Protein backbone atom coordinates (compact mmCIF):
# COMPACT_ATOMS: atom_id res chain seq x y z
CA UNK A 1 0.00 0.00 0.00
CA UNK A 2 1.34 3.45 -0.89
CA UNK A 3 2.23 5.64 2.03
CA UNK A 4 0.05 8.68 2.67
CA UNK A 5 1.51 11.98 1.49
CA UNK A 6 2.00 14.24 4.51
CA UNK A 7 2.04 18.00 4.98
CA UNK A 8 5.68 17.66 6.02
CA UNK A 9 6.57 16.10 2.66
CA UNK A 10 4.73 18.83 0.77
CA UNK A 11 6.53 21.48 2.82
CA UNK A 12 9.91 19.87 2.10
CA UNK A 13 9.16 19.69 -1.62
CA UNK A 14 8.04 23.33 -1.71
CA UNK A 15 10.85 24.47 0.63
CA UNK A 16 8.43 26.23 2.97
CA UNK A 17 7.49 25.83 6.63
CA UNK A 18 4.93 23.16 7.60
CA UNK A 19 2.55 25.81 8.90
CA UNK A 20 2.58 27.54 5.50
CA UNK A 21 1.33 24.38 3.80
CA UNK A 22 -1.35 23.96 6.45
CA UNK A 23 -2.59 27.52 5.90
CA UNK A 24 -2.52 27.12 2.12
CA UNK A 25 -4.61 23.93 2.17
CA UNK A 26 -7.15 25.73 4.36
CA UNK A 27 -7.16 28.64 1.87
CA UNK A 28 -6.25 31.00 4.70
CA UNK A 29 -6.16 34.67 3.64
CA UNK A 30 -3.03 35.28 5.72
CA UNK A 31 -1.10 33.82 2.77
CA UNK A 32 -0.90 35.58 -0.61
CA UNK A 33 -3.23 34.14 -3.23
CA UNK A 34 -0.30 33.09 -5.43
CA UNK A 35 1.22 31.08 -2.57
CA UNK A 36 -2.08 29.38 -1.77
CA UNK A 37 -2.66 28.35 -5.39
CA UNK A 38 0.91 27.10 -5.84
CA UNK A 39 0.86 24.92 -2.72
CA UNK A 40 -2.65 23.60 -3.39
CA UNK A 41 -1.57 22.59 -6.92
CA UNK A 42 1.55 20.89 -5.54
CA UNK A 43 -0.51 18.96 -2.97
CA UNK A 44 -2.85 17.69 -5.69
CA UNK A 45 0.11 16.70 -7.90
CA UNK A 46 1.71 14.75 -5.05
CA UNK A 47 -1.57 12.93 -4.38
CA UNK A 48 -2.27 14.44 -0.98
CA UNK A 49 -5.55 13.54 0.71
CA UNK A 50 -6.59 14.62 4.22
CA UNK A 51 -6.19 12.12 7.05
CA UNK A 52 -9.74 11.20 8.07
CA UNK A 53 -8.83 10.35 11.66
CA UNK A 54 -6.94 13.59 12.17
CA UNK A 55 -9.76 15.58 10.54
CA UNK A 56 -12.27 13.95 12.87
CA UNK A 57 -10.09 14.71 15.89
CA UNK A 58 -9.68 18.32 14.81
CA UNK A 59 -13.44 18.65 14.27
CA UNK A 60 -14.10 17.17 17.73
CA UNK A 61 -11.66 19.51 19.42
CA UNK A 62 -13.16 22.43 17.53
CA UNK A 63 -16.67 21.46 18.64
CA UNK A 64 -15.93 21.23 22.37
CA UNK A 65 -13.84 24.37 22.87
CA UNK A 66 -15.12 27.98 23.02
CA UNK A 67 -14.62 29.77 19.72
CA UNK A 68 -13.19 33.10 18.76
CA UNK A 69 -14.39 34.07 15.30
CA UNK A 70 -11.47 33.28 12.99
CA UNK A 71 -12.64 32.58 9.44
CA UNK A 72 -15.20 34.07 7.10
CA UNK A 73 -18.11 32.54 5.21
CA UNK A 74 -20.07 34.22 2.42
CA UNK A 75 -23.87 34.48 2.54
CA UNK A 76 -25.21 35.11 -0.98
CA UNK A 77 -28.72 36.31 -1.79
CA UNK A 78 -30.54 38.86 -3.94
CA UNK A 79 -32.97 39.77 -1.15
CA UNK A 80 -32.55 42.61 1.34
CA UNK A 81 -32.31 40.66 4.59
CA UNK A 82 -34.28 43.41 6.35
CA UNK A 83 -37.11 43.38 3.80
CA UNK A 84 -39.08 40.48 5.31
CA UNK A 85 -39.16 38.66 8.63
CA UNK A 86 -38.35 35.45 6.73
CA UNK A 87 -35.15 36.82 5.16
CA UNK A 88 -34.10 38.29 8.50
CA UNK A 89 -34.68 34.98 10.31
CA UNK A 90 -32.68 32.84 7.89
CA UNK A 91 -29.64 35.12 8.00
CA UNK A 92 -29.82 35.74 11.76
CA UNK A 93 -29.97 32.07 12.75
CA UNK A 94 -27.30 31.10 10.21
CA UNK A 95 -25.00 33.86 11.45
CA UNK A 96 -25.45 32.88 15.11
CA UNK A 97 -24.67 29.24 14.32
CA UNK A 98 -21.60 30.25 12.32
CA UNK A 99 -20.32 32.33 15.25
CA UNK A 100 -20.78 29.38 17.62
CA UNK A 101 -18.56 27.32 15.34
CA UNK A 102 -15.85 29.96 14.97
CA UNK A 103 -16.88 31.60 11.70
CA UNK A 104 -18.15 35.01 10.66
CA UNK A 105 -21.01 34.89 8.14
CA UNK A 106 -20.83 37.92 5.84
CA UNK A 107 -23.74 38.97 3.64
CA UNK A 108 -23.25 39.68 -0.07
CA UNK A 109 -26.21 40.90 -2.14
CA UNK A 110 -26.39 40.38 -5.90
CA UNK A 111 -29.09 43.02 -6.17
CA UNK A 112 -26.84 45.93 -5.22
CA UNK A 113 -24.92 46.55 -8.44
CA UNK A 114 -22.42 43.72 -7.89
CA UNK A 115 -21.79 40.92 -10.36
CA UNK A 116 -21.25 37.37 -9.18
CA UNK A 117 -17.80 37.34 -10.75
CA UNK A 118 -16.82 40.43 -8.75
CA UNK A 119 -18.18 38.93 -5.53
CA UNK A 120 -16.32 35.67 -6.10
CA UNK A 121 -13.11 37.63 -6.62
CA UNK A 122 -13.69 39.31 -3.25
CA UNK A 123 -14.36 35.97 -1.56
CA UNK A 124 -11.17 34.46 -2.92
CA UNK A 125 -8.90 37.42 -2.19
CA UNK A 126 -10.19 37.76 1.37
CA UNK A 127 -9.88 34.03 2.05
CA UNK A 128 -13.52 33.19 2.73
CA UNK A 129 -13.79 29.49 3.42
CA UNK A 130 -17.24 28.57 2.12
CA UNK A 131 -20.52 29.89 0.71
CA UNK A 132 -24.08 29.60 2.00
CA UNK A 133 -26.61 30.57 -0.66
CA UNK A 134 -29.70 32.00 1.00
CA UNK A 135 -33.23 32.22 -0.43
CA UNK A 136 -33.51 34.18 -3.69
CA UNK A 137 -36.44 36.35 -4.72
CA UNK A 138 -37.61 34.07 -7.53
CA UNK A 139 -37.69 30.29 -7.67
CA UNK A 140 -35.85 28.68 -10.56
CA UNK A 141 -33.00 31.22 -10.41
CA UNK A 142 -29.80 30.42 -12.33
CA UNK A 143 -26.32 31.35 -11.12
CA UNK A 144 -23.25 31.48 -13.33
CA UNK A 145 -19.74 31.87 -11.98
CA UNK A 146 -17.16 29.29 -11.02
CA UNK A 147 -17.60 27.32 -7.78
CA UNK A 148 -14.46 25.17 -7.70
CA UNK A 149 -12.80 27.13 -4.90
CA UNK A 150 -15.37 26.81 -2.11
CA UNK A 151 -17.58 24.27 -0.38
CA UNK A 152 -21.11 25.53 -1.07
CA UNK A 153 -24.56 24.83 0.38
CA UNK A 154 -27.89 26.27 -0.82
CA UNK A 155 -30.78 26.91 1.58
CA UNK A 156 -33.85 25.44 -0.11
CA UNK A 157 -34.54 25.28 -3.85
CA UNK A 158 -34.82 28.85 -5.09
CA UNK A 159 -31.58 28.29 -7.07
CA UNK A 160 -32.25 25.71 -9.80
CA UNK A 161 -28.87 25.78 -11.59
CA UNK A 162 -26.20 24.73 -10.81
CA UNK A 163 -26.95 21.69 -8.65
CA UNK A 164 -25.59 22.75 -5.26
CA UNK A 165 -25.48 20.77 -2.06
CA UNK A 166 -28.66 21.70 -0.21
CA UNK A 167 -30.19 22.08 3.20
CA UNK A 168 -33.89 21.70 2.55
CA UNK A 169 -37.31 21.18 4.07
CA UNK A 170 -38.87 17.73 3.81
CA UNK A 171 -41.92 19.23 2.13
CA UNK A 172 -43.24 15.93 0.81
CA UNK A 173 -43.27 14.17 4.18
CA UNK A 174 -44.47 17.32 5.93
CA UNK A 175 -47.57 17.45 3.71
CA UNK A 176 -48.29 13.74 4.19
CA UNK A 177 -48.03 14.17 7.97
CA UNK A 178 -50.18 17.31 7.81
CA UNK A 179 -52.95 15.50 5.94
CA UNK A 180 -52.74 12.49 8.24
CA UNK A 181 -53.40 14.71 11.28
CA UNK A 182 -56.40 16.30 9.59
CA UNK A 183 -57.80 12.88 8.64
CA UNK A 184 -57.37 11.76 12.26
CA UNK A 185 -59.51 14.72 13.31
CA UNK A 186 -62.32 13.51 11.07
CA UNK A 187 -61.74 15.72 8.01
CA UNK A 188 -62.28 13.99 4.66
CA UNK A 189 -62.62 16.71 2.01
CA UNK A 190 -59.37 18.62 2.49
CA UNK A 191 -58.47 21.31 -0.04
CA UNK A 192 -54.96 22.61 -0.75
CA UNK A 193 -54.60 26.25 -1.79
CA UNK A 194 -51.15 27.61 -2.62
CA UNK A 195 -49.48 29.84 -5.18
CA UNK A 196 -47.71 28.58 -8.28
CA UNK A 197 -44.58 30.29 -6.96
CA UNK A 198 -44.60 28.13 -3.82
CA UNK A 199 -45.23 25.01 -5.88
CA UNK A 200 -42.21 25.88 -8.03
CA UNK A 201 -40.04 26.74 -5.02
CA UNK A 202 -40.82 23.36 -3.41
CA UNK A 203 -40.20 21.42 -6.63
CA UNK A 204 -43.85 20.37 -6.70
CA UNK A 205 -43.35 18.20 -3.61
CA UNK A 206 -46.30 19.64 -1.64
CA UNK A 207 -48.67 19.05 -4.56
CA UNK A 208 -47.23 15.57 -5.18
CA UNK A 209 -47.82 14.54 -1.55
CA UNK A 210 -51.37 15.93 -1.76
CA UNK A 211 -52.08 13.82 -4.85
CA UNK A 212 -50.58 10.73 -3.19
CA UNK A 213 -52.86 11.23 -0.19
CA UNK A 214 -55.88 11.40 -2.51
CA UNK A 215 -54.83 8.14 -4.19
CA UNK A 216 -54.83 6.55 -0.72
CA UNK A 217 -58.47 7.55 -0.28
CA UNK A 218 -60.11 6.41 -3.55
CA UNK A 219 -63.55 6.48 -1.93
CA UNK A 220 -63.41 10.28 -2.01
CA UNK A 221 -63.78 12.24 -5.25
CA UNK A 222 -60.44 13.92 -6.17
CA UNK A 223 -60.09 17.60 -5.25
CA UNK A 224 -58.18 19.89 -7.63
CA UNK A 225 -55.45 22.15 -6.28
CA UNK A 226 -56.59 25.76 -5.95
CA UNK A 227 -53.73 27.86 -7.30
CA UNK A 228 -55.20 31.35 -6.86
CA UNK A 229 -53.71 32.54 -3.55
CA UNK A 230 -54.27 36.22 -4.36
CA UNK A 231 -57.23 36.58 -2.00
CA UNK A 232 -60.04 36.64 -4.61
CA UNK A 233 -62.82 35.57 -2.28
CA UNK A 234 -65.41 34.76 -4.96
CA UNK A 235 -63.05 32.26 -6.60
CA UNK A 236 -62.09 30.85 -3.21
CA UNK A 237 -65.68 30.41 -2.05
CA UNK A 238 -66.70 28.82 -5.36
CA UNK A 239 -63.90 26.26 -4.98
CA UNK A 240 -64.79 25.55 -1.33
CA UNK A 241 -68.50 25.05 -1.99
CA UNK A 242 -68.23 23.20 -5.32
CA UNK A 243 -65.74 20.73 -3.83
CA UNK A 244 -67.75 20.39 -0.58
CA UNK A 245 -64.63 20.98 1.51
CA UNK A 246 -64.58 20.47 5.26
CA UNK A 247 -61.00 21.71 5.72
CA UNK A 248 -58.43 23.88 3.92
CA UNK A 249 -54.63 24.00 4.04
CA UNK A 250 -53.46 27.42 2.90
CA UNK A 251 -52.19 30.89 3.94
CA UNK A 252 -53.52 33.20 6.64
CA UNK A 253 -54.97 35.64 4.09
CA UNK A 254 -57.43 32.97 2.95
CA UNK A 255 -58.48 32.46 6.56
CA UNK A 256 -59.13 36.20 6.95
CA UNK A 257 -61.11 36.29 3.69
CA UNK A 258 -63.39 33.50 4.88
CA UNK A 259 -63.88 35.10 8.29
CA UNK A 260 -64.61 38.48 6.72
CA UNK A 261 -67.43 36.97 4.67
CA UNK A 262 -69.11 35.22 7.55
CA UNK A 263 -67.54 31.79 7.64
CA UNK A 264 -67.14 30.42 11.16
CA UNK A 265 -63.86 28.56 11.73
CA UNK A 266 -63.67 25.73 12.70
CA UNK A 267 -67.47 25.34 12.94
CA UNK A 268 -68.14 25.77 9.21
CA UNK A 269 -64.76 24.65 7.93
CA UNK A 270 -61.40 23.67 9.40
CA UNK A 271 -58.33 25.70 8.53
CA UNK A 272 -54.61 24.85 8.77
CA UNK A 273 -51.55 26.82 7.68
CA UNK A 274 -49.04 25.53 5.15
CA UNK A 275 -46.41 26.97 7.50
CA UNK A 276 -46.87 28.50 10.93
CA UNK A 277 -43.77 30.64 10.39
CA UNK A 278 -43.08 33.51 8.04
CA UNK A 279 -44.54 36.72 6.76
CA UNK A 280 -48.04 35.23 6.46
CA UNK A 281 -48.31 34.85 10.23
CA UNK A 282 -48.37 37.69 12.76
CA UNK A 283 -47.57 37.16 16.45
CA UNK A 284 -51.28 37.57 17.27
CA UNK A 285 -52.13 34.65 14.95
CA UNK A 286 -50.33 31.90 16.80
CA UNK A 287 -53.65 30.19 17.60
CA UNK A 288 -53.53 28.80 14.05
CA UNK A 289 -53.09 25.11 13.43
CA UNK A 290 -50.48 24.27 10.82
CA UNK A 291 -47.09 22.84 9.99
CA UNK A 292 -44.06 24.12 11.89
CA UNK A 293 -41.40 23.55 9.22
CA UNK A 294 -38.50 24.17 11.66
CA UNK A 295 -37.11 26.94 9.49
CA UNK A 296 -34.77 28.21 12.21
CA UNK A 297 -33.27 24.74 12.67
CA UNK A 298 -32.76 24.46 8.92
CA UNK A 299 -30.79 27.74 8.88
CA UNK A 300 -28.54 26.43 11.66
CA UNK A 301 -28.21 23.04 9.97
CA UNK A 302 -27.18 24.65 6.68
CA UNK A 303 -24.19 26.22 8.42
CA UNK A 304 -23.22 23.01 10.21
CA UNK A 305 -23.46 21.16 6.89
CA UNK A 306 -21.29 23.79 5.17
CA UNK A 307 -18.61 23.64 7.85
CA UNK A 308 -18.54 19.84 7.66
CA UNK A 309 -17.79 20.19 3.93
CA UNK A 310 -15.00 22.66 4.76
CA UNK A 311 -13.46 20.06 7.10
CA UNK A 312 -13.67 17.51 4.28
CA UNK A 313 -12.19 20.01 1.82
CA UNK A 314 -15.17 19.20 -0.42
CA UNK A 315 -14.73 22.03 -2.89
CA UNK A 316 -16.88 22.78 -5.91
CA UNK A 317 -20.03 21.16 -7.24
CA UNK A 318 -20.09 17.61 -5.90
CA UNK A 319 -21.31 14.83 -8.16
CA UNK A 320 -23.78 13.78 -6.99
CA UNK A 321 -24.69 16.77 -4.82
CA UNK A 322 -25.58 16.10 -1.18
CA UNK A 323 -28.74 17.13 0.64
CA UNK A 324 -29.56 17.56 4.31
CA UNK A 325 -33.31 17.41 4.93
CA UNK A 326 -35.25 18.63 7.97
CA UNK A 327 -38.77 17.39 8.76
CA UNK A 328 -41.35 19.62 10.39
CA UNK A 329 -43.85 19.10 13.19
CA UNK A 330 -47.60 19.69 13.21
CA UNK A 331 -48.78 22.45 15.54
CA UNK A 332 -52.37 22.11 16.72
CA UNK A 333 -54.55 25.17 17.14
CA UNK A 334 -58.03 26.64 17.49
CA UNK A 335 -58.70 26.70 13.72
CA UNK A 336 -59.33 22.95 13.72
CA UNK A 337 -61.88 20.99 15.72
CA UNK A 338 -60.55 18.90 18.55
């Protein structure tokens, strides 16, 4: 068996100190870019691979000791993080988790006159260690650029191309669990109302789970998805009455529209939120039933996932990409019968 190439051997070959090689392989900004690239290329040529046992030991020691913030991570989005409570939450929880693990998460916004190529140049020249891609304004967004220099994780599915590693919600299982709870409460005609944008952003998984649930209850006439989430009450009421619904899964604005026009909830119809978190829910509306998607935990998990890739030196677009999925939990409330 060939002997493992060591940092000491690379240092001897390059005629530099051992610590210089260590910094270069961690892409540390304390070294000039030219030095980092030269030593990284030499390590690849010599067949260097990290020692798994030593990496695990280093990760363990890092996890149990208090951290001073030492290294930077990029947080990329095209959304003003102060524009919505959702955007603020994702960045805030990710940044707190990064700080706990010894990293500083720095926001970079593509919607402020900066090109991706310029941002990536900044990341490289300042020695940022990895990239977390936050939610983008539109689902199906496409990013160009070159990603070979950083471990990268995307939060959710708003970026369609390229195929990044992802931290994502288990939307499919969440919807199945959501429907199962409603069935257990005696609801049979359950309607799903959501926007096309949300369907796209979740890769159709919510709708797919809804259709699977209907196939499991063939005794009940299929109910079409209601895709008009704009608040048009006449269209909403026509759908509810024509389909003889006894419960709806949707947004809070649909609940308010029904209440405004005299519907008594849950006496006339049950109501459950697609998500109990986000801009659709105000603090005064926490009596709602619905799915707690654990969005805060996903933001923290995305950072932990990213840092694990940094420890592995898993640079670039992995083939196949990896995913870390978080399942939600149903939250009962006064909008459903007991």
